[in-house]
Amino acid sequence: MATELQNLSFSDFPFQTFDKVRYADTDRQGHVNNAVFSTFLETGRVEFLYAPGNPLTDENASFVIANLNLKLLAEVRWPGQVDIGTGVTKVGNSSLCLYQGLFQDGKCVATAETVIVQMHEESRKSHPLTESTKAFLTHHLLA
């Protein structure tokens, strides 16, 4: 991962959303269980990739995760919310790479790099991204 990505603030991400921290997310130590971090990342990914007014998948295709690298940096506490920043680092023929940051109270608590592939529903093989999807993703590249 490039060093400049590690120092991003929430406002540096081209797509931003949030998720509420639920009491049920906590563990015996009183902080959010590490498995919940993946759920927060999913919230950001899904809102970005599957926005009702702007679906990015081609007909009869869906996005699947090929690789997810999550780096836990600090604990998250209840109550509160987690701010989720999402940006694109690479656009391929049938795949894309996302970089996401999770923030609580302005502090980066986790980062993730995810490789996502568009898969054709019937063949279960990779399926090329449309030109309009590539244009949208390129517009959300992290500088």
Protein backbone atom coordinates (compact mmCIF):
# COMPACT_ATOMS: atom_id res chain seq x y z
CA MET A 1 0.00 0.00 0.00
CA ALA A 2 1.28 3.43 -0.89
CA THR A 3 2.33 5.53 2.09
CA GLU A 4 0.14 8.46 1.00
CA LEU A 5 -2.99 6.30 1.35
CA GLN A 6 -2.15 5.52 4.97
CA ASN A 7 -2.35 9.23 5.86
CA LEU A 8 -5.75 10.00 4.34
CA SER A 9 -8.36 11.76 6.42
CA PHE A 10 -12.06 11.01 6.08
CA SER A 11 -12.59 14.11 3.95
CA ASP A 12 -10.02 12.84 1.41
CA PHE A 13 -12.29 9.98 0.32
CA PRO A 14 -14.48 10.63 -2.75
CA PHE A 15 -17.35 8.52 -1.36
CA GLN A 16 -18.44 8.86 2.26
CA THR A 17 -21.08 7.23 4.42
CA PHE A 18 -21.48 6.04 8.00
CA ASP A 19 -22.80 3.19 10.11
CA LYS A 20 -24.18 3.18 13.62
CA VAL A 21 -22.26 1.28 16.31
CA ARG A 22 -24.69 -1.08 17.99
CA TYR A 23 -24.35 -2.30 21.57
CA ALA A 24 -24.52 -5.87 20.19
CA ASP A 25 -21.32 -5.14 18.21
CA THR A 26 -19.27 -5.04 21.42
CA ASP A 27 -17.40 -7.91 23.05
CA ARG A 28 -16.40 -8.73 26.62
CA GLN A 29 -13.68 -6.07 26.58
CA GLY A 30 -16.29 -3.38 25.84
CA HIS A 31 -15.05 -2.50 22.36
CA VAL A 32 -16.42 -3.43 18.96
CA ASN A 33 -15.53 -7.00 17.99
CA ASN A 34 -12.99 -7.19 15.15
CA ALA A 35 -15.41 -9.16 12.93
CA VAL A 36 -17.76 -6.14 12.86
CA PHE A 37 -15.12 -4.06 11.07
CA SER A 38 -15.84 -6.13 7.94
CA THR A 39 -19.52 -5.26 8.27
CA PHE A 40 -18.68 -1.55 8.38
CA LEU A 41 -16.58 -1.98 5.23
CA GLU A 42 -19.46 -3.81 3.57
CA THR A 43 -21.77 -0.86 4.28
CA GLY A 44 -19.40 1.45 2.41
CA ARG A 45 -18.86 -0.98 -0.48
CA VAL A 46 -22.53 -1.75 -0.99
CA GLU A 47 -23.65 1.88 -0.89
CA PHE A 48 -20.92 2.72 -3.42
CA LEU A 49 -21.30 -0.24 -5.81
CA TYR A 50 -25.04 -0.89 -5.59
CA ALA A 51 -26.58 2.57 -5.26
CA PRO A 52 -30.26 2.19 -6.30
CA GLY A 53 -30.09 5.04 -8.81
CA ASN A 54 -26.70 4.05 -10.23
CA PRO A 55 -26.09 0.29 -10.32
CA LEU A 56 -22.58 -0.46 -11.55
CA THR A 57 -22.97 -4.14 -12.39
CA ASP A 58 -23.76 -5.29 -15.89
CA GLU A 59 -26.96 -7.24 -16.53
CA ASN A 60 -26.71 -10.81 -15.18
CA ALA A 61 -23.51 -9.95 -13.31
CA SER A 62 -22.53 -9.24 -9.71
CA PHE A 63 -19.49 -8.15 -7.77
CA VAL A 64 -17.51 -10.64 -5.70
CA ILE A 65 -14.56 -10.07 -3.40
CA ALA A 66 -11.36 -11.71 -4.63
CA ASN A 67 -9.13 -10.35 -1.87
CA LEU A 68 -9.66 -8.32 1.31
CA ASN A 69 -6.77 -7.00 3.36
CA LEU A 70 -7.95 -5.38 6.60
CA LYS A 71 -5.62 -3.47 8.89
CA LEU A 72 -6.95 -2.82 12.40
CA LEU A 73 -5.44 0.37 13.86
CA ALA A 74 -7.47 1.24 16.96
CA GLU A 75 -10.50 0.11 18.91
CA VAL A 76 -14.02 1.31 18.23
CA ARG A 77 -16.30 2.00 21.20
CA TRP A 78 -20.03 2.09 21.71
CA PRO A 79 -22.04 4.34 21.56
CA GLY A 80 -21.35 6.28 18.40
CA GLN A 81 -20.92 5.89 14.69
CA VAL A 82 -18.20 4.89 12.29
CA ASP A 83 -17.54 7.08 9.27
CA ILE A 84 -16.65 5.06 6.18
CA GLY A 85 -14.56 6.49 3.36
CA THR A 86 -14.29 4.65 0.05
CA GLY A 87 -12.14 5.34 -2.98
CA VAL A 88 -10.94 3.49 -6.05
CA THR A 89 -7.23 2.78 -6.53
CA LYS A 90 -7.38 0.79 -9.77
CA VAL A 91 -9.84 0.01 -12.55
CA GLY A 92 -9.20 -3.09 -14.63
CA ASN A 93 -11.06 -4.88 -17.40
CA SER A 94 -13.37 -6.85 -15.09
CA SER A 95 -12.04 -5.83 -11.68
CA LEU A 96 -11.46 -2.87 -9.43
CA CYS A 97 -9.49 -2.13 -6.30
CA LEU A 98 -11.01 -0.19 -3.43
CA TYR A 99 -9.27 1.50 -0.53
CA GLN A 100 -11.43 2.20 2.50
CA GLY A 101 -10.89 3.94 5.79
CA LEU A 102 -12.97 3.56 8.94
CA PHE A 103 -13.02 6.53 11.31
CA GLN A 104 -14.48 7.17 14.74
CA ASP A 105 -14.44 10.69 16.16
CA GLY A 106 -12.08 11.76 13.36
CA LYS A 107 -9.49 9.05 14.12
CA CYS A 108 -8.69 6.35 11.57
CA VAL A 109 -9.41 3.03 13.25
CA ALA A 110 -8.95 0.68 10.27
CA THR A 111 -8.04 0.59 6.59
CA ALA A 112 -8.78 -2.01 3.96
CA GLU A 113 -7.72 -2.81 0.44
CA THR A 114 -10.21 -4.90 -1.52
CA VAL A 115 -10.02 -6.47 -4.97
CA ILE A 116 -13.46 -6.90 -6.47
CA VAL A 117 -14.28 -8.79 -9.66
CA GLN A 118 -17.44 -8.54 -11.72
CA MET A 119 -18.69 -12.09 -12.26
CA HIS A 120 -21.26 -13.29 -14.78
CA GLU A 121 -24.09 -15.02 -12.90
CA GLU A 122 -24.41 -18.00 -15.27
CA SER A 123 -20.82 -18.74 -16.27
CA ARG A 124 -19.41 -17.80 -12.81
CA LYS A 125 -16.43 -16.33 -14.68
CA SER A 126 -15.14 -12.76 -14.69
CA HIS A 127 -17.18 -10.38 -16.84
CA PRO A 128 -15.92 -7.09 -18.34
CA LEU A 129 -16.99 -3.82 -16.73
CA THR A 130 -19.08 -1.53 -18.93
CA GLU A 131 -17.55 1.71 -20.19
CA SER A 132 -20.00 3.72 -18.05
CA THR A 133 -18.97 1.75 -14.95
CA LYS A 134 -15.29 2.30 -15.74
CA ALA A 135 -15.96 6.04 -16.15
CA PHE A 136 -17.79 6.20 -12.80
CA LEU A 137 -15.02 4.29 -11.03
CA THR A 138 -12.32 6.45 -12.62
CA HIS A 139 -14.16 9.54 -11.34
CA HIS A 140 -13.77 8.12 -7.80
CA LEU A 141 -10.03 7.42 -8.02
CA LEU A 142 -8.04 8.45 -4.97
CA ALA A 143 -5.57 11.17 -5.91
